[in-house]
Amino acid sequence: MALTPYYSPVDPTFYPLFAFLFSAVGLAFLAVFIMSELTSKRGGKNIFSELTMALVASCTLGLGGFFVLLSAGIYV
């Protein structure tokens, strides 16, 4: 049985682009989340929208950091 080499589902030439895009989107959602926390009144907060913004920001920043490491040659 011959072994076949593993090929990444994402072309390595796109790693820097994905790192930039995911980091930019994550920072944008983080900024919206922080501004909504600072400007909302005490009784007007909606936990669902806060958790949604925090989850999206967290996931996109995590993917951005992952692709930053991949584009630097640190394969995790």
N, C-alpha and C. Protein backbone atom coordinates (compact mmCIF):
# COMPACT_ATOMS: atom_id res chain seq x y z
N MET A 1 0.85 -1.18 0.00
CA MET A 1 0.00 0.00 0.00
C MET A 1 0.89 1.24 0.00
N ALA A 2 0.75 2.04 -1.01
CA ALA A 2 1.59 3.24 -1.15
C ALA A 2 0.99 4.39 -0.35
N LEU A 3 1.86 5.13 0.28
CA LEU A 3 1.43 6.29 1.04
C LEU A 3 1.26 7.49 0.10
N THR A 4 0.23 8.27 0.33
CA THR A 4 0.02 9.47 -0.47
C THR A 4 0.33 10.68 0.40
N PRO A 5 0.97 11.69 -0.16
CA PRO A 5 1.32 12.87 0.64
C PRO A 5 0.07 13.67 1.01
N TYR A 6 0.17 14.35 2.14
CA TYR A 6 -0.92 15.19 2.62
C TYR A 6 -0.78 16.58 2.01
N TYR A 7 -1.87 17.09 1.46
CA TYR A 7 -1.90 18.44 0.92
C TYR A 7 -2.88 19.26 1.73
N SER A 8 -2.48 20.45 2.08
CA SER A 8 -3.32 21.34 2.88
C SER A 8 -4.56 21.74 2.09
N PRO A 9 -5.72 21.83 2.75
CA PRO A 9 -6.92 22.28 2.04
C PRO A 9 -6.85 23.76 1.65
N VAL A 10 -5.97 24.52 2.30
CA VAL A 10 -5.78 25.93 1.98
C VAL A 10 -4.39 26.09 1.40
N ASP A 11 -4.30 26.75 0.27
CA ASP A 11 -3.01 26.98 -0.38
C ASP A 11 -2.14 27.88 0.52
N PRO A 12 -0.91 27.48 0.81
CA PRO A 12 -0.07 28.29 1.71
C PRO A 12 0.20 29.71 1.23
N THR A 13 0.02 30.00 -0.04
CA THR A 13 0.22 31.38 -0.49
C THR A 13 -0.89 32.30 0.00
N PHE A 14 -2.01 31.74 0.44
CA PHE A 14 -3.11 32.55 0.96
C PHE A 14 -3.03 32.78 2.47
N TYR A 15 -2.08 32.20 3.17
CA TYR A 15 -1.98 32.35 4.62
C TYR A 15 -1.88 33.82 5.05
N PRO A 16 -1.00 34.64 4.45
CA PRO A 16 -0.95 36.04 4.89
C PRO A 16 -2.25 36.80 4.63
N LEU A 17 -2.90 36.52 3.52
CA LEU A 17 -4.17 37.19 3.23
C LEU A 17 -5.23 36.82 4.26
N PHE A 18 -5.35 35.54 4.56
CA PHE A 18 -6.32 35.11 5.56
C PHE A 18 -5.98 35.66 6.93
N ALA A 19 -4.69 35.74 7.25
CA ALA A 19 -4.29 36.30 8.54
C ALA A 19 -4.74 37.75 8.65
N PHE A 20 -4.54 38.51 7.59
CA PHE A 20 -4.95 39.92 7.62
C PHE A 20 -6.47 40.05 7.68
N LEU A 21 -7.18 39.30 6.85
CA LEU A 21 -8.64 39.43 6.81
C LEU A 21 -9.29 39.02 8.13
N PHE A 22 -8.90 37.87 8.66
CA PHE A 22 -9.50 37.42 9.92
C PHE A 22 -9.15 38.35 11.07
N SER A 23 -7.92 38.84 11.10
CA SER A 23 -7.54 39.77 12.17
C SER A 23 -8.28 41.09 12.05
N ALA A 24 -8.44 41.60 10.84
CA ALA A 24 -9.15 42.87 10.65
C ALA A 24 -10.63 42.74 11.03
N VAL A 25 -11.26 41.65 10.60
CA VAL A 25 -12.67 41.44 10.95
C VAL A 25 -12.82 41.24 12.46
N GLY A 26 -11.91 40.49 13.07
CA GLY A 26 -11.96 40.28 14.51
C GLY A 26 -11.77 41.57 15.29
N LEU A 27 -10.85 42.41 14.85
CA LEU A 27 -10.64 43.69 15.53
C LEU A 27 -11.83 44.62 15.35
N ALA A 28 -12.48 44.55 14.19
CA ALA A 28 -13.68 45.36 13.97
C ALA A 28 -14.81 44.93 14.91
N PHE A 29 -15.03 43.63 15.02
CA PHE A 29 -16.07 43.15 15.95
C PHE A 29 -15.70 43.44 17.40
N LEU A 30 -14.42 43.37 17.72
CA LEU A 30 -13.98 43.71 19.07
C LEU A 30 -14.24 45.17 19.36
N ALA A 31 -13.97 46.05 18.40
CA ALA A 31 -14.23 47.47 18.60
C ALA A 31 -15.72 47.75 18.77
N VAL A 32 -16.56 47.09 17.98
CA VAL A 32 -18.01 47.27 18.12
C VAL A 32 -18.47 46.75 19.48
N PHE A 33 -17.93 45.64 19.91
CA PHE A 33 -18.29 45.08 21.21
C PHE A 33 -17.90 46.02 22.34
N ILE A 34 -16.70 46.56 22.29
CA ILE A 34 -16.24 47.46 23.36
C ILE A 34 -17.05 48.75 23.36
N MET A 35 -17.32 49.29 22.17
CA MET A 35 -18.11 50.52 22.12
C MET A 35 -19.54 50.29 22.61
N SER A 36 -20.11 49.15 22.32
CA SER A 36 -21.47 48.88 22.80
C SER A 36 -21.47 48.69 24.32
N GLU A 37 -20.42 48.15 24.87
CA GLU A 37 -20.33 47.99 26.32
C GLU A 37 -20.14 49.34 27.01
N LEU A 38 -19.40 50.21 26.41
CA LEU A 38 -19.13 51.51 27.04
C LEU A 38 -20.29 52.48 26.91
N THR A 39 -21.06 52.37 25.85
CA THR A 39 -22.10 53.35 25.61
C THR A 39 -23.50 52.89 26.01
N SER A 40 -23.69 51.63 26.33
CA SER A 40 -25.04 51.16 26.68
C SER A 40 -25.36 51.49 28.13
N LYS A 41 -26.63 51.68 28.36
CA LYS A 41 -27.10 51.95 29.72
C LYS A 41 -27.16 50.64 30.51
N ARG A 42 -27.28 50.78 31.80
CA ARG A 42 -27.26 49.59 32.65
C ARG A 42 -28.44 48.66 32.37
N GLY A 43 -29.63 49.17 32.16
CA GLY A 43 -30.79 48.32 31.95
C GLY A 43 -31.03 47.96 30.50
N GLY A 44 -30.31 48.58 29.56
CA GLY A 44 -30.57 48.36 28.15
C GLY A 44 -29.68 47.33 27.49
N LYS A 45 -28.95 46.55 28.26
CA LYS A 45 -28.04 45.57 27.67
C LYS A 45 -28.80 44.30 27.27
N ASN A 46 -28.41 43.74 26.15
CA ASN A 46 -29.00 42.50 25.67
C ASN A 46 -27.90 41.44 25.69
N ILE A 47 -28.07 40.42 26.50
CA ILE A 47 -27.02 39.41 26.68
C ILE A 47 -26.79 38.62 25.41
N PHE A 48 -27.83 38.40 24.60
CA PHE A 48 -27.68 37.63 23.38
C PHE A 48 -26.79 38.36 22.37
N SER A 49 -27.02 39.66 22.18
CA SER A 49 -26.20 40.41 21.23
C SER A 49 -24.76 40.56 21.74
N GLU A 50 -24.59 40.70 23.04
CA GLU A 50 -23.24 40.79 23.60
C GLU A 50 -22.47 39.49 23.38
N LEU A 51 -23.13 38.36 23.66
CA LEU A 51 -22.46 37.07 23.48
C LEU A 51 -22.17 36.78 22.02
N THR A 52 -23.08 37.19 21.14
CA THR A 52 -22.86 36.98 19.71
C THR A 52 -21.66 37.77 19.21
N MET A 53 -21.58 39.04 19.58
CA MET A 53 -20.44 39.86 19.15
C MET A 53 -19.14 39.33 19.74
N ALA A 54 -19.17 38.93 21.00
CA ALA A 54 -17.97 38.41 21.64
C ALA A 54 -17.53 37.09 21.00
N LEU A 55 -18.47 36.24 20.67
CA LEU A 55 -18.15 34.95 20.04
C LEU A 55 -17.54 35.15 18.65
N VAL A 56 -18.15 36.02 17.86
CA VAL A 56 -17.62 36.27 16.51
C VAL A 56 -16.24 36.90 16.59
N ALA A 57 -16.06 37.86 17.49
CA ALA A 57 -14.75 38.50 17.64
C ALA A 57 -13.70 37.49 18.10
N SER A 58 -14.06 36.64 19.04
CA SER A 58 -13.13 35.65 19.54
C SER A 58 -12.72 34.64 18.48
N CYS A 59 -13.70 34.15 17.73
CA CYS A 59 -13.40 33.15 16.70
C CYS A 59 -12.57 33.73 15.57
N THR A 60 -12.91 34.92 15.12
CA THR A 60 -12.14 35.50 14.01
C THR A 60 -10.74 35.92 14.44
N LEU A 61 -10.59 36.41 15.66
CA LEU A 61 -9.24 36.72 16.14
C LEU A 61 -8.41 35.46 16.35
N GLY A 62 -9.06 34.39 16.79
CA GLY A 62 -8.35 33.12 16.93
C GLY A 62 -7.89 32.57 15.59
N LEU A 63 -8.76 32.64 14.58
CA LEU A 63 -8.36 32.21 13.24
C LEU A 63 -7.28 33.12 12.66
N GLY A 64 -7.39 34.41 12.93
CA GLY A 64 -6.36 35.34 12.47
C GLY A 64 -5.00 35.02 13.07
N GLY A 65 -4.98 34.75 14.37
CA GLY A 65 -3.73 34.37 15.02
C GLY A 65 -3.18 33.05 14.50
N PHE A 66 -4.07 32.12 14.21
CA PHE A 66 -3.66 30.84 13.65
C PHE A 66 -2.99 31.02 12.30
N PHE A 67 -3.60 31.83 11.43
CA PHE A 67 -3.01 32.06 10.11
C PHE A 67 -1.75 32.92 10.18
N VAL A 68 -1.64 33.78 11.19
CA VAL A 68 -0.38 34.51 11.38
C VAL A 68 0.75 33.54 11.69
N LEU A 69 0.47 32.57 12.55
CA LEU A 69 1.48 31.57 12.88
C LEU A 69 1.82 30.72 11.65
N LEU A 70 0.80 30.34 10.88
CA LEU A 70 1.07 29.55 9.69
C LEU A 70 1.88 30.33 8.65
N SER A 71 1.57 31.61 8.49
CA SER A 71 2.31 32.40 7.50
C SER A 71 3.74 32.67 7.95
N ALA A 72 4.00 32.62 9.26
CA ALA A 72 5.36 32.79 9.76
C ALA A 72 6.15 31.49 9.71
N GLY A 73 5.51 30.40 9.35
CA GLY A 73 6.20 29.12 9.26
C GLY A 73 6.15 28.30 10.52
N ILE A 74 5.33 28.70 11.48
CA ILE A 74 5.15 27.95 12.72
C ILE A 74 3.91 27.10 12.55
N TYR A 75 4.08 25.84 12.24
CA TYR A 75 2.96 24.96 11.94
C TYR A 75 2.49 24.30 13.21
N VAL A 76 1.28 24.66 13.61
CA VAL A 76 0.70 24.13 14.85
C VAL A 76 -0.31 23.06 14.56
